[in-house]
C-alpha atoms as a PDB file:
ATOM      1  CA  MET A   1      16.699 -12.866   1.713  1.00  0.00           C
ATOM      2  CA  LYS A   2      19.047 -11.087   3.856  1.00  0.00           C
ATOM      3  CA  GLU A   3      18.354  -7.361   4.585  1.00  0.00           C
ATOM      4  CA  LEU A   4      20.352  -4.255   3.399  1.00  0.00           C
ATOM      5  CA  LYS A   5      21.952  -2.273   5.486  1.00  0.00           C
ATOM      6  CA  PHE A   6      23.769   0.674   5.956  1.00  0.00           C
ATOM      7  CA  GLN A   7      25.333   2.557   9.304  1.00  0.00           C
ATOM      8  CA  ILE A   8      26.535   6.248   8.889  1.00  0.00           C
ATOM      9  CA  ARG A   9      28.169   8.686  11.920  1.00  0.00           C
ATOM     10  CA  LEU A  10      27.383  12.274  11.198  1.00  0.00           C
ATOM     11  CA  GLN A  11      28.408  15.238  13.099  1.00  0.00           C
ATOM     12  CA  THR A  12      24.818  16.903  12.897  1.00  0.00           C
ATOM     13  CA  PRO A  13      22.520  16.775  15.943  1.00  0.00           C
ATOM     14  CA  ILE A  14      19.637  14.734  15.620  1.00  0.00           C
ATOM     15  CA  GLU A  15      16.997  16.721  14.796  1.00  0.00           C
ATOM     16  CA  LYS A  16      18.402  17.732  11.532  1.00  0.00           C
ATOM     17  CA  VAL A  17      19.080  14.539  10.406  1.00  0.00           C
ATOM     18  CA  TRP A  18      15.368  13.580  11.250  1.00  0.00           C
ATOM     19  CA  ARG A  19      14.113  16.851   9.572  1.00  0.00           C
ATOM     20  CA  ALA A  20      16.181  15.522   6.482  1.00  0.00           C
ATOM     21  CA  TRP A  21      14.432  12.363   6.280  1.00  0.00           C
ATOM     22  CA  THR A  22      11.195  13.804   7.065  1.00  0.00           C
ATOM     23  CA  ASP A  23      10.326  17.172   5.551  1.00  0.00           C
ATOM     24  CA  SER A  24       9.326  17.464   1.746  1.00  0.00           C
ATOM     25  CA  ASP A  25      11.484  20.593   1.107  1.00  0.00           C
ATOM     26  CA  THR A  26      14.554  18.986   2.988  1.00  0.00           C
ATOM     27  CA  ILE A  27      15.049  15.867   1.378  1.00  0.00           C
ATOM     28  CA  THR A  28      14.653  17.351  -1.861  1.00  0.00           C
ATOM     29  CA  LYS A  29      18.226  18.703  -1.150  1.00  0.00           C
ATOM     30  CA  TRP A  30      19.938  15.584  -1.175  1.00  0.00           C
ATOM     31  CA  PHE A  31      17.884  12.476  -1.831  1.00  0.00           C
ATOM     32  CA  SER A  32      15.078  13.312  -4.922  1.00  0.00           C
ATOM     33  CA  PRO A  33      13.909  16.782  -6.797  1.00  0.00           C
ATOM     34  CA  HIS A  34      10.687  16.242  -5.696  1.00  0.00           C
ATOM     35  CA  ALA A  35       8.689  14.656  -2.494  1.00  0.00           C
ATOM     36  CA  ASN A  36       5.606  14.315  -0.795  1.00  0.00           C
ATOM     37  CA  ILE A  37       5.972  13.540   2.518  1.00  0.00           C
ATOM     38  CA  GLU A  38       3.380  13.801   5.408  1.00  0.00           C
ATOM     39  CA  PRO A  39       5.169  13.225   8.865  1.00  0.00           C
ATOM     40  CA  LYS A  40       2.898  11.135  10.267  1.00  0.00           C
ATOM     41  CA  LEU A  41       1.984   7.307  10.795  1.00  0.00           C
ATOM     42  CA  GLY A  42       0.477   6.233   7.747  1.00  0.00           C
ATOM     43  CA  GLY A  43       1.056   9.476   5.891  1.00  0.00           C
ATOM     44  CA  ALA A  44       2.300   9.449   2.604  1.00  0.00           C
ATOM     45  CA  TYR A  45       6.494   9.106   1.847  1.00  0.00           C
ATOM     46  CA  GLU A  46       6.492   9.726  -1.758  1.00  0.00           C
ATOM     47  CA  LEU A  47       9.698  10.532  -3.162  1.00  0.00           C
ATOM     48  CA  PHE A  48       9.813  11.881  -7.485  1.00  0.00           C
ATOM     49  CA  PHE A  49      12.907  11.405  -9.268  1.00  0.00           C
ATOM     50  CA  ASP A  50      11.470  12.805 -12.418  1.00  0.00           C
ATOM     51  CA  PRO A  51       9.662  16.024 -10.792  1.00  0.00           C
ATOM     52  CA  ASN A  52       7.851  16.226 -14.528  1.00  0.00           C
ATOM     53  CA  ASN A  53       6.325  12.925 -14.309  1.00  0.00           C
ATOM     54  CA  HIS A  54       4.929  11.944 -10.853  1.00  0.00           C
ATOM     55  CA  GLU A  55       3.791   8.754 -12.697  1.00  0.00           C
ATOM     56  CA  HIS A  56       6.948   6.752 -13.021  1.00  0.00           C
ATOM     57  CA  GLN A  57      10.132   6.558 -11.270  1.00  0.00           C
ATOM     58  CA  CYS A  58       9.140   7.394  -7.956  1.00  0.00           C
ATOM     59  CA  THR A  59       7.553   5.819  -4.518  1.00  0.00           C
ATOM     60  CA  LYS A  60       4.087   6.938  -5.491  1.00  0.00           C
ATOM     61  CA  GLY A  61       1.404   5.470  -3.043  1.00  0.00           C
ATOM     62  CA  CYS A  62       4.133   4.247  -0.068  1.00  0.00           C
ATOM     63  CA  LYS A  63       3.140   4.920   3.541  1.00  0.00           C
ATOM     64  CA  ILE A  64       4.753   5.615   6.735  1.00  0.00           C
ATOM     65  CA  THR A  65       4.594   2.651   8.587  1.00  0.00           C
ATOM     66  CA  ARG A  66       6.448   3.522  12.164  1.00  0.00           C
ATOM     67  CA  PHE A  67       6.630   6.976  13.223  1.00  0.00           C
ATOM     68  CA  GLU A  68       8.540   7.784  16.254  1.00  0.00           C
ATOM     69  CA  PRO A  69       9.841  11.482  16.001  1.00  0.00           C
ATOM     70  CA  ASN A  70      13.958  11.516  16.420  1.00  0.00           C
ATOM     71  CA  THR A  71      14.237   8.016  16.727  1.00  0.00           C
ATOM     72  CA  HIS A  72      12.531   5.696  14.001  1.00  0.00           C
ATOM     73  CA  LEU A  73      11.024   5.865  10.866  1.00  0.00           C
ATOM     74  CA  SER A  74      10.099   2.936   8.298  1.00  0.00           C
ATOM     75  CA  PHE A  75       8.047   3.229   5.007  1.00  0.00           C
ATOM     76  CA  SER A  76       6.789   0.885   2.196  1.00  0.00           C
ATOM     77  CA  TRP A  77       8.869   1.295  -0.955  1.00  0.00           C
ATOM     78  CA  ARG A  78       8.846   0.458  -4.366  1.00  0.00           C
ATOM     79  CA  GLY A  79      11.380   0.160  -7.104  1.00  0.00           C
ATOM     80  CA  PRO A  80      12.094   1.938 -10.240  1.00  0.00           C
ATOM     81  CA  GLU A  81      10.108   1.176 -13.277  1.00  0.00           C
ATOM     82  CA  GLU A  82      12.936  -1.590 -14.461  1.00  0.00           C
ATOM     83  CA  LEU A  83      11.971  -3.608 -11.599  1.00  0.00           C
ATOM     84  CA  HIS A  84       8.092  -3.196 -11.628  1.00  0.00           C
ATOM     85  CA  HIS A  85       7.920  -7.010 -12.982  1.00  0.00           C
ATOM     86  CA  VAL A  86       9.529  -8.312  -9.417  1.00  0.00           C
ATOM     87  CA  MET A  87       8.519  -5.201  -7.108  1.00  0.00           C
ATOM     88  CA  ASP A  88       4.679  -4.785  -7.762  1.00  0.00           C
ATOM     89  CA  PRO A  89       4.147  -0.814  -7.747  1.00  0.00           C
ATOM     90  CA  ASP A  90       0.639  -1.333  -6.320  1.00  0.00           C
ATOM     91  CA  ILE A  91       1.669  -3.699  -3.801  1.00  0.00           C
ATOM     92  CA  PRO A  92       4.713  -2.130  -2.300  1.00  0.00           C
ATOM     93  CA  GLN A  93       6.552  -5.347  -0.409  1.00  0.00           C
ATOM     94  CA  THR A  94       9.801  -4.334   0.641  1.00  0.00           C
ATOM     95  CA  HIS A  95      10.321  -1.837   3.646  1.00  0.00           C
ATOM     96  CA  VAL A  96      12.977   0.995   4.737  1.00  0.00           C
ATOM     97  CA  HIS A  97      13.474   1.210   8.381  1.00  0.00           C
ATOM     98  CA  VAL A  98      15.345   4.416   9.159  1.00  0.00           C
ATOM     99  CA  SER A  99      16.956   4.628  12.952  1.00  0.00           C
ATOM    100  CA  LEU A 100      18.324   7.526  14.652  1.00  0.00           C
ATOM    101  CA  LYS A 101      20.689   7.467  17.777  1.00  0.00           C
ATOM    102  CA  GLU A 102      22.523  10.641  19.491  1.00  0.00           C
ATOM    103  CA  LYS A 103      26.413  10.179  19.490  1.00  0.00           C
ATOM    104  CA  GLY A 104      27.929  12.690  21.410  1.00  0.00           C
ATOM    105  CA  VAL A 105      27.191  15.770  19.324  1.00  0.00           C
ATOM    106  CA  GLY A 106      26.131  14.097  16.391  1.00  0.00           C
ATOM    107  CA  SER A 107      23.924  11.043  15.325  1.00  0.00           C
ATOM    108  CA  GLU A 108      24.204   7.564  14.055  1.00  0.00           C
ATOM    109  CA  VAL A 109      21.973   6.702  11.211  1.00  0.00           C
ATOM    110  CA  THR A 110      21.219   2.939  10.407  1.00  0.00           C
ATOM    111  CA  ILE A 111      19.362   2.202   7.361  1.00  0.00           C
ATOM    112  CA  ILE A 112      17.517  -1.250   6.747  1.00  0.00           C
ATOM    113  CA  HIS A 113      15.619  -2.189   3.523  1.00  0.00           C
ATOM    114  CA  ASP A 114      14.263  -5.744   3.740  1.00  0.00           C
ATOM    115  CA  GLY A 115      11.156  -7.806   2.559  1.00  0.00           C
ATOM    116  CA  TRP A 116      13.337  -8.926  -0.534  1.00  0.00           C
ATOM    117  CA  GLY A 117      11.823 -12.232  -2.091  1.00  0.00           C
ATOM    118  CA  THR A 118      14.231 -15.296  -3.064  1.00  0.00           C
ATOM    119  CA  ASP A 119      14.727 -15.885  -7.225  1.00  0.00           C
ATOM    120  CA  LYS A 120      17.086 -14.362  -9.346  1.00  0.00           C
ATOM    121  CA  ASP A 121      14.815 -11.397 -10.331  1.00  0.00           C
ATOM    122  CA  TRP A 122      14.439 -10.490  -6.807  1.00  0.00           C
ATOM    123  CA  LYS A 123      18.477 -10.702  -6.653  1.00  0.00           C
ATOM    124  CA  LYS A 124      18.824  -8.092  -9.331  1.00  0.00           C
ATOM    125  CA  ALA A 125      16.528  -6.064  -7.495  1.00  0.00           C
ATOM    126  CA  LYS A 126      18.024  -6.034  -4.147  1.00  0.00           C
ATOM    127  CA  ASP A 127      21.628  -5.634  -5.943  1.00  0.00           C
ATOM    128  CA  TRP A 128      19.995  -2.706  -7.923  1.00  0.00           C
ATOM    129  CA  HIS A 129      18.983  -1.141  -4.075  1.00  0.00           C
ATOM    130  CA  GLN A 130      22.417  -2.129  -3.112  1.00  0.00           C
ATOM    131  CA  ARG A 131      24.141   0.277  -5.163  1.00  0.00           C
ATOM    132  CA  ALA A 132      20.934   2.796  -4.822  1.00  0.00           C
ATOM    133  CA  TRP A 133      21.489   3.014  -1.022  1.00  0.00           C
ATOM    134  CA  ILE A 134      24.736   3.626  -1.272  1.00  0.00           C
ATOM    135  CA  GLN A 135      24.663   6.722  -3.736  1.00  0.00           C
ATOM    136  CA  VAL A 136      21.486   7.765  -1.177  1.00  0.00           C
ATOM    137  CA  VAL A 137      24.354   7.554   1.883  1.00  0.00           C
ATOM    138  CA  SER A 138      26.901   9.314   0.139  1.00  0.00           C
ATOM    139  CA  SER A 139      24.442  12.074  -0.805  1.00  0.00           C
ATOM    140  CA  LEU A 140      23.252  12.347   2.645  1.00  0.00           C
ATOM    141  CA  LYS A 141      27.225  12.757   4.093  1.00  0.00           C
ATOM    142  CA  GLU A 142      27.576  15.302   1.367  1.00  0.00           C
ATOM    143  CA  TYR A 143      24.277  17.435   2.493  1.00  0.00           C
ATOM    144  CA  PHE A 144      25.467  17.769   5.827  1.00  0.00           C
ATOM    145  CA  LYS A 145      29.018  18.539   5.209  1.00  0.00           C
ATOM    146  CA  LYS A 146      27.570  21.441   3.220  1.00  0.00           C
ATOM    147  CA  GLU A 147      24.947  22.527   5.796  1.00  0.00           C
END
């Protein structure tokens, strides 16, 4: 099944955009209320959408699979609990790839989410993530407008 792809331009230096994706404190200002990110290859990429319960609605166990500062970040991904029957929480099957490019004084961000299966349950999972990523991209834009 085809990947999900989003691309945005920000009037923000690439170093700040990189930090927004790789710093546990910064990512909580626009993506999730709590995070555990170890900014290195093989490091944790865990976002906790319920800060009081780190066992559900999270990316617990996900790892950074590509780490090239200010250029490329990839990490494994697991879906929300309602999709666990499709997106096995113990073996993350999808991946998120974030690429950054300098564009004048700003940055271009490309987000690709791939690894989707092909049956109807996977289609539901992909549709859910399509909507979620639209919100995430909007939140990232808003964060840098206020910063």
